[in-house]
Amino acid sequence: MDPTYHYDIHFPSNMEPDKRYPTIFTLHGKGSNEKNMFGLVEPLADDFIIVGIRGNLTLGAG
């Protein structure tokens, strides 16, 4: 197993530098990756920092 985790971070498009934003961490299931999860939480993207994390267990095709 690789101990390194790949991730994808989305910041609010009109992020205010002095404002504190809550963060959502998304974890995918088998057959997906960290980029597929953003669509589920996209309606929250203006108010949250969203971090998608890929698990470190690589499964083959199928």
PDB file of N, CA and C in Angstrom:
ATOM      1  N   MET A   1       0.837  -1.183   0.000  1.00  0.00           N
ATOM      2  CA  MET A   1       0.000   0.000   0.000  1.00  0.00           C
ATOM      3  C   MET A   1       0.883   1.247   0.000  1.00  0.00           C
ATOM      4  N   ASP A   2       0.482   2.231  -0.768  1.00  0.00           N
ATOM      5  CA  ASP A   2       1.196   3.506  -0.836  1.00  0.00           C
ATOM      6  C   ASP A   2       0.646   4.427   0.257  1.00  0.00           C
ATOM      7  N   PRO A   3       1.490   4.929   1.162  1.00  0.00           N
ATOM      8  CA  PRO A   3       0.988   5.781   2.254  1.00  0.00           C
ATOM      9  C   PRO A   3       0.643   7.208   1.820  1.00  0.00           C
ATOM     10  N   THR A   4       0.900   7.541   0.554  1.00  0.00           N
ATOM     11  CA  THR A   4       0.612   8.887   0.054  1.00  0.00           C
ATOM     12  C   THR A   4      -0.841   8.979  -0.415  1.00  0.00           C
ATOM     13  N   TYR A   5      -1.501  10.053  -0.054  1.00  0.00           N
ATOM     14  CA  TYR A   5      -2.890  10.271  -0.476  1.00  0.00           C
ATOM     15  C   TYR A   5      -2.935  11.387  -1.509  1.00  0.00           C
ATOM     16  N   HIS A   6      -3.573  11.128  -2.641  1.00  0.00           N
ATOM     17  CA  HIS A   6      -3.802  12.160  -3.643  1.00  0.00           C
ATOM     18  C   HIS A   6      -5.051  12.926  -3.230  1.00  0.00           C
ATOM     19  N   TYR A   7      -5.090  14.197  -3.549  1.00  0.00           N
ATOM     20  CA  TYR A   7      -6.235  15.003  -3.153  1.00  0.00           C
ATOM     21  C   TYR A   7      -6.489  16.112  -4.158  1.00  0.00           C
ATOM     22  N   ASP A   8      -7.660  16.673  -4.096  1.00  0.00           N
ATOM     23  CA  ASP A   8      -8.099  17.755  -4.974  1.00  0.00           C
ATOM     24  C   ASP A   8      -8.804  18.776  -4.086  1.00  0.00           C
ATOM     25  N   ILE A   9      -8.364  20.029  -4.132  1.00  0.00           N
ATOM     26  CA  ILE A   9      -8.944  21.071  -3.278  1.00  0.00           C
ATOM     27  C   ILE A   9      -9.646  22.116  -4.138  1.00  0.00           C
ATOM     28  N   HIS A  10     -10.876  22.452  -3.762  1.00  0.00           N
ATOM     29  CA  HIS A  10     -11.642  23.509  -4.419  1.00  0.00           C
ATOM     30  C   HIS A  10     -11.911  24.609  -3.391  1.00  0.00           C
ATOM     31  N   PHE A  11     -11.499  25.815  -3.736  1.00  0.00           N
ATOM     32  CA  PHE A  11     -11.754  26.983  -2.888  1.00  0.00           C
ATOM     33  C   PHE A  11     -12.942  27.754  -3.454  1.00  0.00           C
ATOM     34  N   PRO A  12     -13.703  28.466  -2.611  1.00  0.00           N
ATOM     35  CA  PRO A  12     -14.795  29.292  -3.127  1.00  0.00           C
ATOM     36  C   PRO A  12     -14.274  30.275  -4.181  1.00  0.00           C
ATOM     37  N   SER A  13     -15.005  30.447  -5.264  1.00  0.00           N
ATOM     38  CA  SER A  13     -14.539  31.295  -6.363  1.00  0.00           C
ATOM     39  C   SER A  13     -14.374  32.755  -5.954  1.00  0.00           C
ATOM     40  N   ASN A  14     -15.202  33.242  -5.053  1.00  0.00           N
ATOM     41  CA  ASN A  14     -15.094  34.628  -4.578  1.00  0.00           C
ATOM     42  C   ASN A  14     -14.632  34.638  -3.126  1.00  0.00           C
ATOM     43  N   MET A  15     -13.592  33.888  -2.854  1.00  0.00           N
ATOM     44  CA  MET A  15     -13.105  33.730  -1.488  1.00  0.00           C
ATOM     45  C   MET A  15     -12.611  35.066  -0.924  1.00  0.00           C
ATOM     46  N   GLU A  16     -13.104  35.395   0.255  1.00  0.00           N
ATOM     47  CA  GLU A  16     -12.688  36.620   0.938  1.00  0.00           C
ATOM     48  C   GLU A  16     -11.488  36.291   1.825  1.00  0.00           C
ATOM     49  N   PRO A  17     -10.381  37.042   1.702  1.00  0.00           N
ATOM     50  CA  PRO A  17      -9.146  36.690   2.416  1.00  0.00           C
ATOM     51  C   PRO A  17      -9.260  36.671   3.939  1.00  0.00           C
ATOM     52  N   ASP A  18     -10.115  37.487   4.521  1.00  0.00           N
ATOM     53  CA  ASP A  18     -10.207  37.550   5.981  1.00  0.00           C
ATOM     54  C   ASP A  18     -11.339  36.698   6.560  1.00  0.00           C
ATOM     55  N   LYS A  19     -12.070  36.022   5.705  1.00  0.00           N
ATOM     56  CA  LYS A  19     -13.188  35.199   6.166  1.00  0.00           C
ATOM     57  C   LYS A  19     -12.708  33.765   6.413  1.00  0.00           C
ATOM     58  N   ARG A  20     -13.244  33.147   7.458  1.00  0.00           N
ATOM     59  CA  ARG A  20     -12.951  31.739   7.736  1.00  0.00           C
ATOM     60  C   ARG A  20     -14.026  30.881   7.103  1.00  0.00           C
ATOM     61  N   TYR A  21     -13.612  29.837   6.409  1.00  0.00           N
ATOM     62  CA  TYR A  21     -14.540  28.953   5.709  1.00  0.00           C
ATOM     63  C   TYR A  21     -14.519  27.558   6.323  1.00  0.00           C
ATOM     64  N   PRO A  22     -15.686  26.940   6.507  1.00  0.00           N
ATOM     65  CA  PRO A  22     -15.702  25.536   6.931  1.00  0.00           C
ATOM     66  C   PRO A  22     -15.194  24.670   5.780  1.00  0.00           C
ATOM     67  N   THR A  23     -14.741  23.479   6.112  1.00  0.00           N
ATOM     68  CA  THR A  23     -14.181  22.567   5.114  1.00  0.00           C
ATOM     69  C   THR A  23     -14.961  21.266   5.085  1.00  0.00           C
ATOM     70  N   ILE A  24     -15.215  20.790   3.868  1.00  0.00           N
ATOM     71  CA  ILE A  24     -15.854  19.490   3.664  1.00  0.00           C
ATOM     72  C   ILE A  24     -14.799  18.553   3.079  1.00  0.00           C
ATOM     73  N   PHE A  25     -14.648  17.376   3.671  1.00  0.00           N
ATOM     74  CA  PHE A  25     -13.755  16.347   3.145  1.00  0.00           C
ATOM     75  C   PHE A  25     -14.624  15.263   2.521  1.00  0.00           C
ATOM     76  N   THR A  26     -14.389  14.981   1.231  1.00  0.00           N
ATOM     77  CA  THR A  26     -15.155  13.933   0.562  1.00  0.00           C
ATOM     78  C   THR A  26     -14.275  12.705   0.380  1.00  0.00           C
ATOM     79  N   LEU A  27     -14.864  11.546   0.617  1.00  0.00           N
ATOM     80  CA  LEU A  27     -14.180  10.268   0.459  1.00  0.00           C
ATOM     81  C   LEU A  27     -15.001   9.407  -0.491  1.00  0.00           C
ATOM     82  N   HIS A  28     -14.381   8.886  -1.510  1.00  0.00           N
ATOM     83  CA  HIS A  28     -15.105   8.118  -2.517  1.00  0.00           C
ATOM     84  C   HIS A  28     -15.126   6.638  -2.163  1.00  0.00           C
ATOM     85  N   GLY A  29     -15.938   5.920  -2.877  1.00  0.00           N
ATOM     86  CA  GLY A  29     -15.999   4.466  -2.716  1.00  0.00           C
ATOM     87  C   GLY A  29     -15.280   3.772  -3.863  1.00  0.00           C
ATOM     88  N   LYS A  30     -15.410   2.494  -3.921  1.00  0.00           N
ATOM     89  CA  LYS A  30     -14.776   1.679  -4.953  1.00  0.00           C
ATOM     90  C   LYS A  30     -15.294   2.078  -6.335  1.00  0.00           C
ATOM     91  N   GLY A  31     -14.376   2.178  -7.282  1.00  0.00           N
ATOM     92  CA  GLY A  31     -14.758   2.497  -8.662  1.00  0.00           C
ATOM     93  C   GLY A  31     -14.823   3.977  -8.953  1.00  0.00           C
ATOM     94  N   SER A  32     -14.249   4.797  -8.120  1.00  0.00           N
ATOM     95  CA  SER A  32     -14.302   6.251  -8.302  1.00  0.00           C
ATOM     96  C   SER A  32     -12.958   6.836  -7.901  1.00  0.00           C
ATOM     97  N   ASN A  33     -12.869   8.154  -7.928  1.00  0.00           N
ATOM     98  CA  ASN A  33     -11.689   8.834  -7.408  1.00  0.00           C
ATOM     99  C   ASN A  33     -12.095  10.169  -6.815  1.00  0.00           C
ATOM    100  N   GLU A  34     -11.116  10.897  -6.298  1.00  0.00           N
ATOM    101  CA  GLU A  34     -11.414  12.134  -5.569  1.00  0.00           C
ATOM    102  C   GLU A  34     -12.074  13.204  -6.428  1.00  0.00           C
ATOM    103  N   LYS A  35     -11.857  13.187  -7.739  1.00  0.00           N
ATOM    104  CA  LYS A  35     -12.440  14.212  -8.613  1.00  0.00           C
ATOM    105  C   LYS A  35     -13.929  13.981  -8.862  1.00  0.00           C
ATOM    106  N   ASN A  36     -14.400  12.752  -8.773  1.00  0.00           N
ATOM    107  CA  ASN A  36     -15.815  12.448  -9.009  1.00  0.00           C
ATOM    108  C   ASN A  36     -16.730  12.941  -7.903  1.00  0.00           C
ATOM    109  N   MET A  37     -16.202  13.201  -6.757  1.00  0.00           N
ATOM    110  CA  MET A  37     -17.029  13.570  -5.613  1.00  0.00           C
ATOM    111  C   MET A  37     -17.458  15.040  -5.628  1.00  0.00           C
ATOM    112  N   PHE A  38     -16.739  15.874  -6.354  1.00  0.00           N
ATOM    113  CA  PHE A  38     -17.045  17.298  -6.328  1.00  0.00           C
ATOM    114  C   PHE A  38     -18.467  17.597  -6.791  1.00  0.00           C
ATOM    115  N   GLY A  39     -18.959  16.868  -7.770  1.00  0.00           N
ATOM    116  CA  GLY A  39     -20.318  17.089  -8.269  1.00  0.00           C
ATOM    117  C   GLY A  39     -21.386  16.963  -7.194  1.00  0.00           C
ATOM    118  N   LEU A  40     -21.150  16.124  -6.203  1.00  0.00           N
ATOM    119  CA  LEU A  40     -22.127  15.925  -5.130  1.00  0.00           C
ATOM    120  C   LEU A  40     -22.224  17.127  -4.191  1.00  0.00           C
ATOM    121  N   VAL A  41     -21.141  17.845  -4.029  1.00  0.00           N
ATOM    122  CA  VAL A  41     -21.121  18.967  -3.083  1.00  0.00           C
ATOM    123  C   VAL A  41     -20.957  20.317  -3.780  1.00  0.00           C
ATOM    124  N   GLU A  42     -21.006  20.320  -5.101  1.00  0.00           N
ATOM    125  CA  GLU A  42     -20.838  21.558  -5.871  1.00  0.00           C
ATOM    126  C   GLU A  42     -21.780  22.684  -5.450  1.00  0.00           C
ATOM    127  N   PRO A  43     -23.049  22.400  -5.082  1.00  0.00           N
ATOM    128  CA  PRO A  43     -23.920  23.493  -4.635  1.00  0.00           C
ATOM    129  C   PRO A  43     -23.398  24.215  -3.383  1.00  0.00           C
ATOM    130  N   LEU A  44     -22.490  23.601  -2.666  1.00  0.00           N
ATOM    131  CA  LEU A  44     -21.928  24.204  -1.449  1.00  0.00           C
ATOM    132  C   LEU A  44     -20.609  24.927  -1.709  1.00  0.00           C
ATOM    133  N   ALA A  45     -20.148  24.917  -2.948  1.00  0.00           N
ATOM    134  CA  ALA A  45     -18.802  25.385  -3.284  1.00  0.00           C
ATOM    135  C   ALA A  45     -18.556  26.870  -3.000  1.00  0.00           C
ATOM    136  N   ASP A  46     -19.586  27.691  -2.942  1.00  0.00           N
ATOM    137  CA  ASP A  46     -19.383  29.117  -2.672  1.00  0.00           C
ATOM    138  C   ASP A  46     -19.173  29.406  -1.188  1.00  0.00           C
ATOM    139  N   ASP A  47     -19.529  28.458  -0.331  1.00  0.00           N
ATOM    140  CA  ASP A  47     -19.477  28.698   1.111  1.00  0.00           C
ATOM    141  C   ASP A  47     -18.513  27.792   1.871  1.00  0.00           C
ATOM    142  N   PHE A  48     -17.919  26.808   1.175  1.00  0.00           N
ATOM    143  CA  PHE A  48     -17.052  25.836   1.827  1.00  0.00           C
ATOM    144  C   PHE A  48     -15.763  25.631   1.035  1.00  0.00           C
ATOM    145  N   ILE A  49     -14.706  25.247   1.705  1.00  0.00           N
ATOM    146  CA  ILE A  49     -13.525  24.695   1.063  1.00  0.00           C
ATOM    147  C   ILE A  49     -13.798  23.193   0.968  1.00  0.00           C
ATOM    148  N   ILE A  50     -13.595  22.624  -0.215  1.00  0.00           N
ATOM    149  CA  ILE A  50     -13.919  21.221  -0.426  1.00  0.00           C
ATOM    150  C   ILE A  50     -12.644  20.457  -0.781  1.00  0.00           C
ATOM    151  N   VAL A  51     -12.374  19.407  -0.020  1.00  0.00           N
ATOM    152  CA  VAL A  51     -11.180  18.591  -0.234  1.00  0.00           C
ATOM    153  C   VAL A  51     -11.624  17.172  -0.569  1.00  0.00           C
ATOM    154  N   GLY A  52     -11.272  16.716  -1.767  1.00  0.00           N
ATOM    155  CA  GLY A  52     -11.536  15.334  -2.167  1.00  0.00           C
ATOM    156  C   GLY A  52     -10.272  14.513  -1.953  1.00  0.00           C
ATOM    157  N   ILE A  53     -10.393  13.393  -1.275  1.00  0.00           N
ATOM    158  CA  ILE A  53      -9.237  12.568  -0.942  1.00  0.00           C
ATOM    159  C   ILE A  53      -9.389  11.191  -1.569  1.00  0.00           C
ATOM    160  N   ARG A  54      -8.320  10.752  -2.239  1.00  0.00           N
ATOM    161  CA  ARG A  54      -8.299   9.408  -2.823  1.00  0.00           C
ATOM    162  C   ARG A  54      -7.711   8.435  -1.821  1.00  0.00           C
ATOM    163  N   GLY A  55      -8.344   7.295  -1.667  1.00  0.00           N
ATOM    164  CA  GLY A  55      -7.803   6.263  -0.779  1.00  0.00           C
ATOM    165  C   GLY A  55      -6.484   5.722  -1.308  1.00  0.00           C
ATOM    166  N   ASN A  56      -5.743   5.062  -0.464  1.00  0.00           N
ATOM    167  CA  ASN A  56      -4.424   4.569  -0.873  1.00  0.00           C
ATOM    168  C   ASN A  56      -4.420   3.092  -1.256  1.00  0.00           C
ATOM    169  N   LEU A  57      -5.584   2.489  -1.434  1.00  0.00           N
ATOM    170  CA  LEU A  57      -5.663   1.106  -1.873  1.00  0.00           C
ATOM    171  C   LEU A  57      -6.055   1.089  -3.339  1.00  0.00           C
ATOM    172  N   THR A  58      -5.112   0.755  -4.201  1.00  0.00           N
ATOM    173  CA  THR A  58      -5.361   0.734  -5.637  1.00  0.00           C
ATOM    174  C   THR A  58      -5.950  -0.604  -6.038  1.00  0.00           C
ATOM    175  N   LEU A  59      -7.071  -0.557  -6.739  1.00  0.00           N
ATOM    176  CA  LEU A  59      -7.705  -1.762  -7.244  1.00  0.00           C
ATOM    177  C   LEU A  59      -7.581  -1.789  -8.760  1.00  0.00           C
ATOM    178  N   GLY A  60      -7.466  -2.959  -9.327  1.00  0.00           N
ATOM    179  CA  GLY A  60      -7.368  -3.076 -10.771  1.00  0.00           C
ATOM    180  C   GLY A  60      -8.694  -2.807 -11.448  1.00  0.00           C
ATOM    181  N   ALA A  61      -8.678  -2.854 -12.767  1.00  0.00           N
ATOM    182  CA  ALA A  61      -9.896  -2.619 -13.550  1.00  0.00           C
ATOM    183  C   ALA A  61     -10.922  -3.716 -13.284  1.00  0.00           C
ATOM    184  N   GLY A  62     -12.195  -3.330 -13.412  1.00  0.00           N
ATOM    185  CA  GLY A  62     -13.249  -4.328 -13.321  1.00  0.00           C
ATOM    186  C   GLY A  62     -13.984  -4.361 -12.011  1.00  0.00           C
TER     187      GLY A  62
END
